[in-house]
Amino acid sequence: MRNWLAGAAAAAALVLIPAPADAHVRVDDSSAPKRGGYGAVRLSVPTESEKASTVGLIVTIPEDVTLTSAKVLPIAGWTAKVETVQDRVTRIVWQAKDGGLGPSEFGVFTFSAGPWPKDKSAVPLPTTQQYSDGSTVVWDQVALDASEPEHPAPIVVLGAASAEHHHGAVTVDAAREAGEASRKGQGAFDGANVARWGLIALAVALSTVALLRRAR
């Protein structure tokens, strides 16, 4: 029984490891900015085209999110520009100087920004992916239910602020906000994030039971 519990916990942990070459532009949720604070966001960007290369990426900050500062992590072969309007960050634009990301390749685009909202649990980042053949793919759709739309917007799930001690509360708030934001058309994080948090809770519970049985 003890071996089964340990194996189940390990399996749950393995499921949480994201595939780097995901079919969509996504936020790496291994770390998250804090509510009301500053933090880094990493976008995993795969090239879906079989013939064209990814040569541009435009991340748009929602109008109801006021980031006053943003800095990008340099990427070899790419230029980056932070666009602002009246001291508010509106867009972050990357452009390839050479060939960009070819078919079957993916890149990681990182920026650090803030302050992130204190009253939100999740922030969608509508993103436009530009290809060398002139085509574009706009990742700006938000989930209306547990299913994933065809072109989902990358979602930044914000961590608890310093005064918040219960990480479980962040998950509940994020889920509630996702439903409200979807109805208002303002954004929501997709069902995959809910599944990840559920697996985390399962792994913790199974580990706890294993420890209690071992103590006996």
Protein backbone atom coordinates (compact mmCIF):
# COMPACT_ATOMS: atom_id res chain seq x y z
CA MET A 1 0.00 0.00 0.00
CA ARG A 2 2.84 2.37 0.91
CA ASN A 3 4.50 1.76 -2.46
CA TRP A 4 1.23 2.41 -4.28
CA LEU A 5 0.77 5.77 -2.53
CA ALA A 6 4.31 6.87 -3.29
CA GLY A 7 3.93 5.83 -6.91
CA ALA A 8 0.64 7.71 -7.27
CA ALA A 9 2.16 10.88 -5.85
CA ALA A 10 5.10 10.62 -8.24
CA ALA A 11 2.78 10.10 -11.20
CA ALA A 12 0.76 13.19 -10.25
CA ALA A 13 3.93 15.25 -10.08
CA LEU A 14 5.06 14.06 -13.50
CA VAL A 15 1.76 15.10 -15.08
CA LEU A 16 2.46 18.68 -13.96
CA ILE A 17 5.59 18.96 -16.10
CA PRO A 18 4.56 20.97 -19.21
CA ALA A 19 5.66 19.87 -22.67
CA PRO A 20 7.91 22.63 -24.01
CA ALA A 21 6.78 22.23 -27.61
CA ASP A 22 3.09 22.77 -26.88
CA ALA A 23 0.82 23.38 -29.85
CA HIS A 24 -0.18 26.82 -28.56
CA VAL A 25 1.51 29.92 -27.22
CA ARG A 26 1.37 29.46 -23.46
CA VAL A 27 2.65 30.94 -20.23
CA ASP A 28 5.10 28.77 -18.31
CA ASP A 29 3.31 28.53 -14.95
CA SER A 30 6.24 27.07 -13.03
CA SER A 31 6.56 30.53 -11.48
CA ALA A 32 4.16 33.44 -11.31
CA PRO A 33 4.25 37.15 -10.45
CA LYS A 34 2.66 38.10 -7.15
CA ARG A 35 -0.50 40.13 -6.93
CA GLY A 36 0.43 43.78 -6.59
CA GLY A 37 4.11 42.99 -7.18
CA TYR A 38 6.67 42.58 -9.93
CA GLY A 39 7.67 39.34 -11.57
CA ALA A 40 8.76 37.52 -14.71
CA VAL A 41 6.51 35.93 -17.32
CA ARG A 42 7.87 33.27 -19.68
CA LEU A 43 6.01 32.55 -22.90
CA SER A 44 6.57 29.25 -24.70
CA VAL A 45 6.09 29.87 -28.43
CA PRO A 46 6.09 26.92 -30.85
CA THR A 47 6.08 27.25 -34.63
CA GLU A 48 2.99 25.42 -35.84
CA SER A 49 3.58 25.99 -39.55
CA GLU A 50 5.24 23.19 -41.50
CA LYS A 51 6.84 25.60 -43.99
CA ALA A 52 7.08 29.10 -42.48
CA SER A 53 9.12 30.38 -39.52
CA THR A 54 7.98 32.46 -36.57
CA VAL A 55 9.51 35.92 -37.12
CA GLY A 56 7.48 38.13 -34.78
CA LEU A 57 5.58 38.08 -31.51
CA ILE A 58 3.35 40.85 -30.16
CA VAL A 59 2.01 40.62 -26.60
CA THR A 60 -0.81 43.04 -25.75
CA ILE A 61 -1.47 44.08 -22.16
CA PRO A 62 -5.23 44.32 -21.42
CA GLU A 63 -6.56 47.86 -20.97
CA ASP A 64 -7.70 47.14 -17.41
CA VAL A 65 -4.17 46.10 -16.36
CA THR A 66 -1.76 48.93 -15.55
CA LEU A 67 1.85 47.84 -15.77
CA THR A 68 4.14 50.83 -15.35
CA SER A 69 7.37 48.96 -15.96
CA ALA A 70 8.52 46.10 -18.19
CA LYS A 71 11.93 44.76 -19.19
CA VAL A 72 12.71 41.95 -21.60
CA LEU A 73 15.28 39.19 -21.38
CA PRO A 74 17.57 39.48 -24.44
CA ILE A 75 17.28 36.70 -27.04
CA ALA A 76 20.03 36.09 -29.57
CA GLY A 77 18.81 36.92 -33.08
CA TRP A 78 15.81 38.93 -31.88
CA THR A 79 15.04 42.56 -31.12
CA ALA A 80 12.52 43.58 -28.46
CA LYS A 81 10.61 46.78 -27.79
CA VAL A 82 8.38 47.76 -24.87
CA GLU A 83 5.65 50.14 -26.03
CA THR A 84 4.02 52.53 -23.55
CA VAL A 85 1.26 55.13 -23.56
CA GLN A 86 1.28 57.68 -20.74
CA ASP A 87 3.62 55.55 -18.63
CA ARG A 88 1.46 52.44 -19.08
CA VAL A 89 2.88 49.38 -20.85
CA THR A 90 0.59 48.54 -23.78
CA ARG A 91 2.56 46.06 -25.90
CA ILE A 92 5.79 44.09 -25.99
CA VAL A 93 7.05 43.39 -29.50
CA TRP A 94 9.73 40.88 -30.55
CA GLN A 95 11.08 40.73 -34.11
CA ALA A 96 13.55 38.22 -35.56
CA LYS A 97 16.69 39.67 -37.12
CA ASP A 98 17.53 36.49 -39.02
CA GLY A 99 15.55 33.35 -39.73
CA GLY A 100 13.44 33.23 -36.57
CA LEU A 101 12.00 29.96 -35.25
CA GLY A 102 11.75 27.34 -37.97
CA PRO A 103 9.19 24.54 -38.29
CA SER A 104 9.34 22.08 -35.36
CA GLU A 105 11.18 24.71 -33.25
CA PHE A 106 9.96 26.69 -30.26
CA GLY A 107 11.30 29.66 -28.34
CA VAL A 108 10.92 31.10 -24.84
CA PHE A 109 10.22 34.84 -24.61
CA THR A 110 10.62 36.35 -21.15
CA PHE A 111 9.73 39.71 -19.70
CA SER A 112 9.58 41.07 -16.16
CA ALA A 113 6.89 43.61 -15.35
CA GLY A 114 4.72 45.17 -12.71
CA PRO A 115 2.96 46.05 -10.66
CA TRP A 116 0.51 43.28 -11.44
CA PRO A 117 -3.10 43.84 -10.30
CA LYS A 118 -3.98 43.29 -6.66
CA ASP A 119 -7.61 42.48 -7.43
CA LYS A 120 -7.11 39.82 -10.10
CA SER A 121 -6.11 36.17 -9.95
CA ALA A 122 -5.50 35.75 -13.67
CA VAL A 123 -4.52 38.05 -16.54
CA PRO A 124 -4.93 37.07 -20.22
CA LEU A 125 -2.22 38.23 -22.63
CA PRO A 126 -3.59 38.39 -26.19
CA THR A 127 -0.67 37.49 -28.46
CA THR A 128 -0.09 37.78 -32.19
CA GLN A 129 2.34 35.33 -33.80
CA GLN A 130 3.81 36.45 -37.14
CA TYR A 131 5.18 34.07 -39.78
CA SER A 132 7.76 34.51 -42.52
CA ASP A 133 5.14 33.91 -45.23
CA GLY A 134 3.17 36.95 -44.07
CA SER A 135 0.49 35.02 -42.19
CA THR A 136 -0.42 35.66 -38.56
CA VAL A 137 -2.11 33.72 -35.78
CA VAL A 138 -3.87 35.68 -33.04
CA TRP A 139 -4.03 33.92 -29.66
CA ASP A 140 -6.75 35.95 -27.95
CA GLN A 141 -9.68 33.66 -27.17
CA VAL A 142 -10.75 33.00 -23.59
CA ALA A 143 -12.37 29.83 -22.33
CA LEU A 144 -16.12 29.95 -21.72
CA ASP A 145 -16.06 26.58 -19.96
CA ALA A 146 -13.60 23.75 -19.26
CA SER A 147 -12.95 23.21 -22.96
CA GLU A 148 -10.09 24.98 -24.72
CA PRO A 149 -10.84 27.39 -27.60
CA GLU A 150 -9.08 27.08 -30.93
CA HIS A 151 -6.75 30.02 -30.29
CA PRO A 152 -6.54 30.44 -26.50
CA ALA A 153 -4.88 33.52 -25.08
CA PRO A 154 -1.88 32.86 -22.83
CA ILE A 155 -2.91 33.31 -19.19
CA VAL A 156 -0.78 34.61 -16.31
CA VAL A 157 -2.08 33.10 -13.06
CA LEU A 158 -0.96 35.47 -10.31
CA GLY A 159 0.47 34.19 -7.04
CA ALA A 160 -0.70 35.28 -3.60
CA ALA A 161 0.34 38.70 -2.36
CA SER A 162 2.70 38.84 0.62
CA ALA A 163 -0.17 39.15 3.11
CA GLU A 164 -1.93 36.06 1.71
CA HIS A 165 -0.78 32.84 3.34
CA HIS A 166 -3.17 30.24 1.91
CA HIS A 167 -2.26 29.26 -1.64
CA GLY A 168 -5.49 27.32 -1.92
CA ALA A 169 -7.37 30.62 -1.77
CA VAL A 170 -5.56 31.76 -4.90
CA THR A 171 -6.84 28.75 -6.80
CA VAL A 172 -10.44 29.33 -5.72
CA ASP A 173 -10.26 33.04 -6.54
CA ALA A 174 -8.69 32.32 -9.92
CA ALA A 175 -11.42 29.83 -10.81
CA ARG A 176 -14.16 32.24 -9.74
CA GLU A 177 -12.57 35.13 -11.63
CA ALA A 178 -12.17 32.97 -14.72
CA GLY A 179 -15.93 32.41 -14.89
CA GLU A 180 -16.77 36.06 -14.24
CA ALA A 181 -14.21 37.36 -16.72
CA SER A 182 -15.40 34.94 -19.41
CA ARG A 183 -18.98 36.20 -19.08
CA LYS A 184 -17.76 39.78 -19.35
CA GLY A 185 -15.40 38.98 -22.22
CA GLN A 186 -12.41 40.19 -20.23
CA GLY A 187 -10.47 36.91 -19.94
CA ALA A 188 -10.08 33.68 -18.00
CA PHE A 189 -7.46 31.03 -17.61
CA ASP A 190 -8.12 27.70 -19.35
CA GLY A 191 -9.20 24.43 -17.75
CA ALA A 192 -5.66 23.04 -17.93
CA ASN A 193 -4.60 25.28 -15.05
CA VAL A 194 -7.48 24.03 -12.90
CA ALA A 195 -6.41 20.45 -13.65
CA ARG A 196 -2.82 21.21 -12.68
CA TRP A 197 -3.87 22.67 -9.32
CA GLY A 198 -6.14 19.67 -8.71
CA LEU A 199 -3.24 17.32 -9.33
CA ILE A 200 -1.08 19.31 -6.94
CA ALA A 201 -3.71 18.89 -4.21
CA LEU A 202 -3.92 15.16 -4.97
CA ALA A 203 -0.15 14.74 -4.74
CA VAL A 204 -0.01 16.58 -1.42
CA ALA A 205 -2.87 14.52 0.02
CA LEU A 206 -1.35 11.23 -1.07
CA SER A 207 2.05 12.20 0.32
CA THR A 208 0.46 13.10 3.65
CA VAL A 209 -1.32 9.74 3.91
CA ALA A 210 1.91 7.95 3.11
CA LEU A 211 3.76 9.77 5.87
CA LEU A 212 1.02 9.02 8.42
CA ARG A 213 1.10 5.32 7.59
CA ARG A 214 4.89 5.30 7.82
CA ALA A 215 4.71 6.96 11.28
CA ARG A 216 2.52 4.11 12.52
